[in-house]
Protein backbone atom coordinates (compact mmCIF):
# COMPACT_ATOMS: atom_id res chain seq x y z
CA UNK A 1 0.00 0.00 0.00
CA UNK A 2 1.56 3.29 -1.07
CA UNK A 3 0.45 6.27 0.99
CA UNK A 4 0.62 10.02 0.45
CA UNK A 5 1.09 9.60 -3.30
CA UNK A 6 2.25 12.96 -4.70
CA UNK A 7 -0.26 14.97 -6.72
CA UNK A 8 1.86 14.75 -9.88
CA UNK A 9 1.67 10.91 -9.82
CA UNK A 10 -2.04 11.08 -9.05
CA UNK A 11 -2.68 13.24 -12.12
CA UNK A 12 -0.18 11.56 -14.45
CA UNK A 13 -1.25 7.95 -13.96
CA UNK A 14 -4.72 8.18 -12.45
CA UNK A 15 -4.08 7.37 -8.80
CA UNK A 16 -5.64 8.33 -5.49
CA UNK A 17 -3.67 9.64 -2.53
CA UNK A 18 -3.41 6.03 -1.27
CA UNK A 19 -3.31 2.94 -3.52
CA UNK A 20 -2.62 -0.76 -3.26
CA UNK A 21 0.18 -2.03 -5.49
CA UNK A 22 2.13 -5.17 -6.30
CA UNK A 23 5.94 -5.36 -6.50
CA UNK A 24 7.09 -6.42 -9.98
CA UNK A 25 10.24 -6.74 -12.07
CA UNK A 26 9.85 -5.06 -15.44
CA UNK A 27 12.76 -6.88 -17.07
CA UNK A 28 15.17 -9.75 -16.57
CA UNK A 29 18.09 -7.67 -17.89
CA UNK A 30 20.99 -7.22 -15.49
CA UNK A 31 22.41 -3.77 -14.66
CA UNK A 32 19.13 -1.96 -15.30
CA UNK A 33 16.46 -0.39 -13.13
CA UNK A 34 13.79 -3.08 -13.20
CA UNK A 35 11.99 -3.06 -9.84
CA UNK A 36 8.62 -1.33 -9.80
CA UNK A 37 5.22 -1.23 -8.19
CA UNK A 38 2.19 -1.88 -10.34
CA UNK A 39 -1.23 -0.49 -9.51
CA UNK A 40 -4.67 -2.00 -10.11
CA UNK A 41 -5.16 0.22 -13.15
CA UNK A 42 -2.18 -1.56 -14.79
CA UNK A 43 0.18 1.41 -14.59
CA UNK A 44 3.53 1.04 -12.89
CA UNK A 45 6.22 3.24 -11.32
CA UNK A 46 9.87 2.26 -10.94
CA UNK A 47 11.08 2.27 -7.36
CA UNK A 48 13.71 4.86 -8.34
CA UNK A 49 10.91 7.21 -9.45
CA UNK A 50 9.08 7.17 -6.13
CA UNK A 51 9.56 10.27 -4.02
CA UNK A 52 12.01 10.32 -1.16
CA UNK A 53 10.14 9.66 2.05
CA UNK A 54 7.29 7.85 0.26
CA UNK A 55 5.37 5.84 2.86
CA UNK A 56 4.77 2.18 2.09
CA UNK A 57 2.84 -0.41 4.06
CA UNK A 58 3.73 -4.05 3.31
CA UNK A 59 0.65 -6.26 3.61
CA UNK A 60 2.06 -9.51 2.27
CA UNK A 61 5.52 -10.92 1.62
CA UNK A 62 4.35 -13.85 -0.45
CA UNK A 63 1.78 -15.10 -2.87
CA UNK A 64 -1.76 -14.94 -1.52
CA UNK A 65 -4.98 -15.71 -3.35
CA UNK A 66 -6.68 -12.77 -1.62
CA UNK A 67 -4.35 -10.32 -3.39
CA UNK A 68 -5.96 -9.15 -6.65
CA UNK A 69 -4.19 -10.23 -9.82
CA UNK A 70 -2.52 -7.35 -11.66
CA UNK A 71 -2.23 -7.60 -15.43
CA UNK A 72 1.08 -6.14 -16.68
CA UNK A 73 1.31 -3.47 -19.33
CA UNK A 74 2.20 -4.83 -22.78
CA UNK A 75 5.87 -5.80 -23.02
CA UNK A 76 6.35 -6.24 -19.27
CA UNK A 77 7.02 -9.70 -17.89
CA UNK A 78 6.21 -10.43 -14.28
CA UNK A 79 8.78 -12.56 -12.51
CA UNK A 80 7.79 -15.74 -10.73
PDB file of N, CA and C in Angstrom:
ATOM      1  N   UNK A   1       0.851  -1.161   0.000  1.00  0.00           N
ATOM      2  CA  UNK A   1       0.000   0.000   0.000  1.00  0.00           C
ATOM      3  C   UNK A   1       0.901   1.228   0.000  1.00  0.00           C
ATOM      4  N   UNK A   2       0.805   2.038  -1.029  1.00  0.00           N
ATOM      5  CA  UNK A   2       1.557   3.293  -1.070  1.00  0.00           C
ATOM      6  C   UNK A   2       0.656   4.387  -0.533  1.00  0.00           C
ATOM      7  N   UNK A   3       1.215   5.210   0.334  1.00  0.00           N
ATOM      8  CA  UNK A   3       0.448   6.268   0.986  1.00  0.00           C
ATOM      9  C   UNK A   3       1.039   7.626   0.639  1.00  0.00           C
ATOM     10  N   UNK A   4       0.210   8.643   0.736  1.00  0.00           N
ATOM     11  CA  UNK A   4       0.624  10.024   0.447  1.00  0.00           C
ATOM     12  C   UNK A   4       1.247  10.128  -0.937  1.00  0.00           C
ATOM     13  N   UNK A   5       0.586   9.558  -1.923  1.00  0.00           N
ATOM     14  CA  UNK A   5       1.092   9.604  -3.301  1.00  0.00           C
ATOM     15  C   UNK A   5       1.057  11.062  -3.765  1.00  0.00           C
ATOM     16  N   UNK A   6       2.174  11.555  -4.278  1.00  0.00           N
ATOM     17  CA  UNK A   6       2.246  12.955  -4.698  1.00  0.00           C
ATOM     18  C   UNK A   6       1.223  13.287  -5.781  1.00  0.00           C
ATOM     19  N   UNK A   7       0.767  14.519  -5.771  1.00  0.00           N
ATOM     20  CA  UNK A   7      -0.258  14.974  -6.716  1.00  0.00           C
ATOM     21  C   UNK A   7       0.154  14.754  -8.170  1.00  0.00           C
ATOM     22  N   UNK A   8       1.458  14.919  -8.487  1.00  0.00           N
ATOM     23  CA  UNK A   8       1.864  14.748  -9.882  1.00  0.00           C
ATOM     24  C   UNK A   8       1.695  13.305 -10.344  1.00  0.00           C
ATOM     25  N   UNK A   9       1.930  12.307  -9.470  1.00  0.00           N
ATOM     26  CA  UNK A   9       1.673  10.907  -9.822  1.00  0.00           C
ATOM     27  C   UNK A   9       0.169  10.656  -9.935  1.00  0.00           C
ATOM     28  N   UNK A  10      -0.590  11.253  -9.017  1.00  0.00           N
ATOM     29  CA  UNK A  10      -2.040  11.076  -9.051  1.00  0.00           C
ATOM     30  C   UNK A  10      -2.599  11.537 -10.395  1.00  0.00           C
ATOM     31  N   UNK A  11      -2.186  12.698 -10.846  1.00  0.00           N
ATOM     32  CA  UNK A  11      -2.675  13.243 -12.122  1.00  0.00           C
ATOM     33  C   UNK A  11      -2.127  12.463 -13.311  1.00  0.00           C
ATOM     34  N   UNK A  12      -0.843  12.164 -13.286  1.00  0.00           N
ATOM     35  CA  UNK A  12      -0.179  11.557 -14.445  1.00  0.00           C
ATOM     36  C   UNK A  12      -0.660  10.137 -14.739  1.00  0.00           C
ATOM     37  N   UNK A  13      -0.895   9.352 -13.690  1.00  0.00           N
ATOM     38  CA  UNK A  13      -1.251   7.954 -13.956  1.00  0.00           C
ATOM     39  C   UNK A  13      -2.557   7.523 -13.305  1.00  0.00           C
ATOM     40  N   UNK A  14      -3.380   8.483 -12.918  1.00  0.00           N
ATOM     41  CA  UNK A  14      -4.721   8.183 -12.449  1.00  0.00           C
ATOM     42  C   UNK A  14      -4.790   7.456 -11.123  1.00  0.00           C
ATOM     43  N   UNK A  15      -4.096   7.996 -10.119  1.00  0.00           N
ATOM     44  CA  UNK A  15      -4.077   7.368  -8.801  1.00  0.00           C
ATOM     45  C   UNK A  15      -4.786   8.231  -7.778  1.00  0.00           C
ATOM     46  N   UNK A  16      -5.117   7.608  -6.651  1.00  0.00           N
ATOM     47  CA  UNK A  16      -5.638   8.328  -5.494  1.00  0.00           C
ATOM     48  C   UNK A  16      -4.464   8.639  -4.576  1.00  0.00           C
ATOM     49  N   UNK A  17      -4.728   9.294  -3.472  1.00  0.00           N
ATOM     50  CA  UNK A  17      -3.665   9.644  -2.525  1.00  0.00           C
ATOM     51  C   UNK A  17      -3.093   8.396  -1.858  1.00  0.00           C
ATOM     52  N   UNK A  18      -3.862   7.294  -1.856  1.00  0.00           N
ATOM     53  CA  UNK A  18      -3.413   6.033  -1.273  1.00  0.00           C
ATOM     54  C   UNK A  18      -3.885   4.904  -2.186  1.00  0.00           C
ATOM     55  N   UNK A  19      -2.977   4.010  -2.574  1.00  0.00           N
ATOM     56  CA  UNK A  19      -3.309   2.938  -3.517  1.00  0.00           C
ATOM     57  C   UNK A  19      -2.593   1.651  -3.138  1.00  0.00           C
ATOM     58  N   UNK A  20      -3.256   0.539  -3.376  1.00  0.00           N
ATOM     59  CA  UNK A  20      -2.619  -0.761  -3.264  1.00  0.00           C
ATOM     60  C   UNK A  20      -1.775  -1.008  -4.507  1.00  0.00           C
ATOM     61  N   UNK A  21      -0.706  -1.741  -4.359  1.00  0.00           N
ATOM     62  CA  UNK A  21       0.177  -2.030  -5.488  1.00  0.00           C
ATOM     63  C   UNK A  21       0.860  -3.366  -5.260  1.00  0.00           C
ATOM     64  N   UNK A  22       1.408  -3.906  -6.337  1.00  0.00           N
ATOM     65  CA  UNK A  22       2.129  -5.173  -6.299  1.00  0.00           C
ATOM     66  C   UNK A  22       3.551  -4.911  -6.787  1.00  0.00           C
ATOM     67  N   UNK A  23       4.539  -5.483  -6.089  1.00  0.00           N
ATOM     68  CA  UNK A  23       5.938  -5.362  -6.499  1.00  0.00           C
ATOM     69  C   UNK A  23       6.163  -6.226  -7.740  1.00  0.00           C
ATOM     70  N   UNK A  24       6.798  -5.679  -8.760  1.00  0.00           N
ATOM     71  CA  UNK A  24       7.090  -6.421  -9.984  1.00  0.00           C
ATOM     72  C   UNK A  24       8.519  -6.148 -10.437  1.00  0.00           C
ATOM     73  N   UNK A  25       9.008  -6.999 -11.321  1.00  0.00           N
ATOM     74  CA  UNK A  25      10.237  -6.741 -12.070  1.00  0.00           C
ATOM     75  C   UNK A  25       9.813  -6.506 -13.501  1.00  0.00           C
ATOM     76  N   UNK A  26      10.275  -5.417 -14.090  1.00  0.00           N
ATOM     77  CA  UNK A  26       9.851  -5.056 -15.441  1.00  0.00           C
ATOM     78  C   UNK A  26      10.716  -5.682 -16.518  1.00  0.00           C
ATOM     79  N   UNK A  27      11.828  -6.301 -16.107  1.00  0.00           N
ATOM     80  CA  UNK A  27      12.761  -6.876 -17.066  1.00  0.00           C
ATOM     81  C   UNK A  27      13.632  -7.901 -16.355  1.00  0.00           C
ATOM     82  N   UNK A  28      14.208  -8.796 -17.121  1.00  0.00           N
ATOM     83  CA  UNK A  28      15.172  -9.746 -16.566  1.00  0.00           C
ATOM     84  C   UNK A  28      16.603  -9.297 -16.851  1.00  0.00           C
ATOM     85  N   UNK A  29      16.763  -8.168 -17.518  1.00  0.00           N
ATOM     86  CA  UNK A  29      18.085  -7.672 -17.890  1.00  0.00           C
ATOM     87  C   UNK A  29      18.869  -7.208 -16.666  1.00  0.00           C
ATOM     88  N   UNK A  30      20.120  -7.640 -16.582  1.00  0.00           N
ATOM     89  CA  UNK A  30      20.994  -7.221 -15.491  1.00  0.00           C
ATOM     90  C   UNK A  30      21.443  -5.774 -15.705  1.00  0.00           C
ATOM     91  N   UNK A  31      21.846  -5.133 -14.621  1.00  0.00           N
ATOM     92  CA  UNK A  31      22.411  -3.774 -14.657  1.00  0.00           C
ATOM     93  C   UNK A  31      21.427  -2.741 -15.187  1.00  0.00           C
ATOM     94  N   UNK A  32      20.147  -2.938 -14.915  1.00  0.00           N
ATOM     95  CA  UNK A  32      19.125  -1.962 -15.300  1.00  0.00           C
ATOM     96  C   UNK A  32      18.190  -1.749 -14.120  1.00  0.00           C
ATOM     97  N   UNK A  33      17.503  -0.617 -14.117  1.00  0.00           N
ATOM     98  CA  UNK A  33      16.457  -0.388 -13.128  1.00  0.00           C
ATOM     99  C   UNK A  33      15.260  -1.217 -13.569  1.00  0.00           C
ATOM    100  N   UNK A  34      14.873  -2.196 -12.769  1.00  0.00           N
ATOM    101  CA  UNK A  34      13.791  -3.080 -13.201  1.00  0.00           C
ATOM    102  C   UNK A  34      12.748  -3.340 -12.132  1.00  0.00           C
ATOM    103  N   UNK A  35      12.962  -2.862 -10.913  1.00  0.00           N
ATOM    104  CA  UNK A  35      11.991  -3.062  -9.843  1.00  0.00           C
ATOM    105  C   UNK A  35      10.966  -1.931  -9.873  1.00  0.00           C
ATOM    106  N   UNK A  36       9.697  -2.315  -9.728  1.00  0.00           N
ATOM    107  CA  UNK A  36       8.621  -1.327  -9.800  1.00  0.00           C
ATOM    108  C   UNK A  36       7.449  -1.776  -8.948  1.00  0.00           C
ATOM    109  N   UNK A  37       6.502  -0.883  -8.772  1.00  0.00           N
ATOM    110  CA  UNK A  37       5.215  -1.233  -8.190  1.00  0.00           C
ATOM    111  C   UNK A  37       4.172  -1.027  -9.275  1.00  0.00           C
ATOM    112  N   UNK A  38       3.239  -1.966  -9.336  1.00  0.00           N
ATOM    113  CA  UNK A  38       2.187  -1.884 -10.344  1.00  0.00           C
ATOM    114  C   UNK A  38       0.853  -1.738  -9.634  1.00  0.00           C
ATOM    115  N   UNK A  39       0.045  -0.811 -10.130  1.00  0.00           N
ATOM    116  CA  UNK A  39      -1.235  -0.495  -9.513  1.00  0.00           C
ATOM    117  C   UNK A  39      -2.363  -1.259 -10.194  1.00  0.00           C
ATOM    118  N   UNK A  40      -3.518  -1.262  -9.567  1.00  0.00           N
ATOM    119  CA  UNK A  40      -4.669  -1.997 -10.106  1.00  0.00           C
ATOM    120  C   UNK A  40      -5.078  -1.533 -11.493  1.00  0.00           C
ATOM    121  N   UNK A  41      -4.799  -0.281 -11.830  1.00  0.00           N
ATOM    122  CA  UNK A  41      -5.157   0.217 -13.153  1.00  0.00           C
ATOM    123  C   UNK A  41      -4.151  -0.217 -14.221  1.00  0.00           C
ATOM    124  N   UNK A  42      -3.160  -1.042 -13.832  1.00  0.00           N
ATOM    125  CA  UNK A  42      -2.179  -1.558 -14.786  1.00  0.00           C
ATOM    126  C   UNK A  42      -0.950  -0.697 -14.962  1.00  0.00           C
ATOM    127  N   UNK A  43      -0.978   0.513 -14.467  1.00  0.00           N
ATOM    128  CA  UNK A  43       0.180   1.405 -14.592  1.00  0.00           C
ATOM    129  C   UNK A  43       1.215   1.040 -13.551  1.00  0.00           C
ATOM    130  N   UNK A  44       2.479   1.341 -13.843  1.00  0.00           N
ATOM    131  CA  UNK A  44       3.534   1.042 -12.886  1.00  0.00           C
ATOM    132  C   UNK A  44       4.503   2.208 -12.758  1.00  0.00           C
ATOM    133  N   UNK A  45       5.219   2.209 -11.614  1.00  0.00           N
ATOM    134  CA  UNK A  45       6.219   3.237 -11.318  1.00  0.00           C
ATOM    135  C   UNK A  45       7.460   2.514 -10.814  1.00  0.00           C
ATOM    136  N   UNK A  46       8.615   2.838 -11.423  1.00  0.00           N
ATOM    137  CA  UNK A  46       9.868   2.260 -10.942  1.00  0.00           C
ATOM    138  C   UNK A  46      10.144   2.735  -9.529  1.00  0.00           C
ATOM    139  N   UNK A  47      10.773   1.885  -8.740  1.00  0.00           N
ATOM    140  CA  UNK A  47      11.084   2.269  -7.363  1.00  0.00           C
ATOM    141  C   UNK A  47      11.941   3.529  -7.324  1.00  0.00           C
ATOM    142  N   UNK A  48      12.835   3.686  -8.298  1.00  0.00           N
ATOM    143  CA  UNK A  48      13.713   4.860  -8.342  1.00  0.00           C
ATOM    144  C   UNK A  48      12.928   6.147  -8.593  1.00  0.00           C
ATOM    145  N   UNK A  49      11.715   6.025  -9.141  1.00  0.00           N
ATOM    146  CA  UNK A  49      10.913   7.209  -9.451  1.00  0.00           C
ATOM    147  C   UNK A  49       9.966   7.605  -8.325  1.00  0.00           C
ATOM    148  N   UNK A  50       9.886   6.780  -7.274  1.00  0.00           N
ATOM    149  CA  UNK A  50       9.083   7.167  -6.126  1.00  0.00           C
ATOM    150  C   UNK A  50       9.770   8.320  -5.412  1.00  0.00           C
ATOM    151  N   UNK A  51       9.001   9.114  -4.718  1.00  0.00           N
ATOM    152  CA  UNK A  51       9.560  10.274  -4.024  1.00  0.00           C
ATOM    153  C   UNK A  51      10.267   9.854  -2.746  1.00  0.00           C
ATOM    154  N   UNK A  52      11.317  10.567  -2.416  1.00  0.00           N
ATOM    155  CA  UNK A  52      12.014  10.317  -1.161  1.00  0.00           C
ATOM    156  C   UNK A  52      11.034  10.509  -0.016  1.00  0.00           C
ATOM    157  N   UNK A  53      11.050   9.585   0.928  1.00  0.00           N
ATOM    158  CA  UNK A  53      10.140   9.658   2.052  1.00  0.00           C
ATOM    159  C   UNK A  53       8.775   9.054   1.785  1.00  0.00           C
ATOM    160  N   UNK A  54       8.584   8.494   0.597  1.00  0.00           N
ATOM    161  CA  UNK A  54       7.292   7.855   0.265  1.00  0.00           C
ATOM    162  C   UNK A  54       6.970   6.797   1.302  1.00  0.00           C
ATOM    163  N   UNK A  55       5.766   6.820   1.854  1.00  0.00           N
ATOM    164  CA  UNK A  55       5.373   5.841   2.861  1.00  0.00           C
ATOM    165  C   UNK A  55       4.788   4.617   2.177  1.00  0.00           C
ATOM    166  N   UNK A  56       5.211   3.452   2.643  1.00  0.00           N
ATOM    167  CA  UNK A  56       4.767   2.179   2.085  1.00  0.00           C
ATOM    168  C   UNK A  56       4.388   1.260   3.238  1.00  0.00           C
ATOM    169  N   UNK A  57       3.265   0.582   3.083  1.00  0.00           N
ATOM    170  CA  UNK A  57       2.837  -0.414   4.063  1.00  0.00           C
ATOM    171  C   UNK A  57       2.842  -1.772   3.376  1.00  0.00           C
ATOM    172  N   UNK A  58       3.646  -2.703   3.877  1.00  0.00           N
ATOM    173  CA  UNK A  58       3.728  -4.047   3.313  1.00  0.00           C
ATOM    174  C   UNK A  58       2.619  -4.885   3.933  1.00  0.00           C
ATOM    175  N   UNK A  59       1.766  -5.448   3.098  1.00  0.00           N
ATOM    176  CA  UNK A  59       0.654  -6.256   3.605  1.00  0.00           C
ATOM    177  C   UNK A  59       0.879  -7.740   3.396  1.00  0.00           C
ATOM    178  N   UNK A  60       1.781  -8.101   2.511  1.00  0.00           N
ATOM    179  CA  UNK A  60       2.060  -9.512   2.267  1.00  0.00           C
ATOM    180  C   UNK A  60       3.460  -9.638   1.703  1.00  0.00           C
ATOM    181  N   UNK A  61       4.177 -10.666   2.145  1.00  0.00           N
ATOM    182  CA  UNK A  61       5.518 -10.923   1.622  1.00  0.00           C
ATOM    183  C   UNK A  61       5.537 -12.110   0.681  1.00  0.00           C
ATOM    184  N   UNK A  62       4.396 -12.678   0.413  1.00  0.00           N
ATOM    185  CA  UNK A  62       4.348 -13.847  -0.450  1.00  0.00           C
ATOM    186  C   UNK A  62       3.087 -13.862  -1.282  1.00  0.00           C
ATOM    187  N   UNK A  63       2.952 -14.928  -2.037  1.00  0.00           N
ATOM    188  CA  UNK A  63       1.783 -15.103  -2.873  1.00  0.00           C
ATOM    189  C   UNK A  63       0.578 -15.389  -1.986  1.00  0.00           C
ATOM    190  N   UNK A  64      -0.538 -14.758  -2.298  1.00  0.00           N
ATOM    191  CA  UNK A  64      -1.757 -14.944  -1.517  1.00  0.00           C
ATOM    192  C   UNK A  64      -2.939 -14.803  -2.463  1.00  0.00           C
ATOM    193  N   UNK A  65      -3.844 -15.751  -2.448  1.00  0.00           N
ATOM    194  CA  UNK A  65      -4.982 -15.712  -3.355  1.00  0.00           C
ATOM    195  C   UNK A  65      -5.887 -14.520  -3.101  1.00  0.00           C
ATOM    196  N   UNK A  66      -5.824 -13.909  -1.910  1.00  0.00           N
ATOM    197  CA  UNK A  66      -6.683 -12.769  -1.624  1.00  0.00           C
ATOM    198  C   UNK A  66      -6.158 -11.478  -2.248  1.00  0.00           C
ATOM    199  N   UNK A  67      -4.919 -11.490  -2.730  1.00  0.00           N
ATOM    200  CA  UNK A  67      -4.350 -10.321  -3.391  1.00  0.00           C
ATOM    201  C   UNK A  67      -4.845 -10.296  -4.826  1.00  0.00           C
ATOM    202  N   UNK A  68      -5.442  -9.191  -5.285  1.00  0.00           N
ATOM    203  CA  UNK A  68      -5.964  -9.151  -6.646  1.00  0.00           C
ATOM    204  C   UNK A  68      -4.854  -9.304  -7.680  1.00  0.00           C
ATOM    205  N   UNK A  69      -5.157 -10.037  -8.737  1.00  0.00           N
ATOM    206  CA  UNK A  69      -4.185 -10.228  -9.817  1.00  0.00           C
ATOM    207  C   UNK A  69      -4.040  -8.924 -10.573  1.00  0.00           C
ATOM    208  N   UNK A  70      -2.809  -8.566 -10.905  1.00  0.00           N
ATOM    209  CA  UNK A  70      -2.522  -7.349 -11.662  1.00  0.00           C
ATOM    210  C   UNK A  70      -2.011  -7.782 -13.023  1.00  0.00           C
ATOM    211  N   UNK A  71      -2.635  -7.267 -14.069  1.00  0.00           N
ATOM    212  CA  UNK A  71      -2.233  -7.605 -15.428  1.00  0.00           C
ATOM    213  C   UNK A  71      -1.177  -6.602 -15.857  1.00  0.00           C
ATOM    214  N   UNK A  72      -0.008  -7.071 -16.299  1.00  0.00           N
ATOM    215  CA  UNK A  72       1.075  -6.142 -16.676  1.00  0.00           C
ATOM    216  C   UNK A  72       0.764  -5.389 -17.954  1.00  0.00           C
ATOM    217  N   UNK A  73       1.414  -4.239 -18.097  1.00  0.00           N
ATOM    218  CA  UNK A  73       1.314  -3.474 -19.335  1.00  0.00           C
ATOM    219  C   UNK A  73       1.977  -4.294 -20.439  1.00  0.00           C
ATOM    220  N   UNK A  74       1.572  -4.091 -21.687  1.00  0.00           N
ATOM    221  CA  UNK A  74       2.200  -4.835 -22.777  1.00  0.00           C
ATOM    222  C   UNK A  74       3.718  -4.701 -22.757  1.00  0.00           C
ATOM    223  N   UNK A  75       4.408  -5.818 -22.967  1.00  0.00           N
ATOM    224  CA  UNK A  75       5.865  -5.804 -23.020  1.00  0.00           C
ATOM    225  C   UNK A  75       6.534  -5.945 -21.674  1.00  0.00           C
ATOM    226  N   UNK A  76       5.763  -6.093 -20.597  1.00  0.00           N
ATOM    227  CA  UNK A  76       6.347  -6.242 -19.270  1.00  0.00           C
ATOM    228  C   UNK A  76       6.088  -7.646 -18.772  1.00  0.00           C
ATOM    229  N   UNK A  77       7.158  -8.340 -18.403  1.00  0.00           N
ATOM    230  CA  UNK A  77       7.017  -9.699 -17.894  1.00  0.00           C
ATOM    231  C   UNK A  77       7.110  -9.671 -16.376  1.00  0.00           C
ATOM    232  N   UNK A  78       6.152 -10.293 -15.725  1.00  0.00           N
ATOM    233  CA  UNK A  78       6.214 -10.431 -14.279  1.00  0.00           C
ATOM    234  C   UNK A  78       7.109 -11.582 -13.939  1.00  0.00           C
ATOM    235  N   UNK A  79       7.922 -11.443 -12.913  1.00  0.00           N
ATOM    236  CA  UNK A  79       8.784 -12.561 -12.514  1.00  0.00           C
ATOM    237  C   UNK A  79       8.002 -13.500 -11.615  1.00  0.00           C
ATOM    238  N   UNK A  80       8.474 -14.744 -11.561  1.00  0.00           N
ATOM    239  CA  UNK A  80       7.792 -15.739 -10.727  1.00  0.00           C
ATOM    240  C   UNK A  80       8.257 -15.647  -9.306  1.00  0.00           C
TER     241      UNK A  80
END
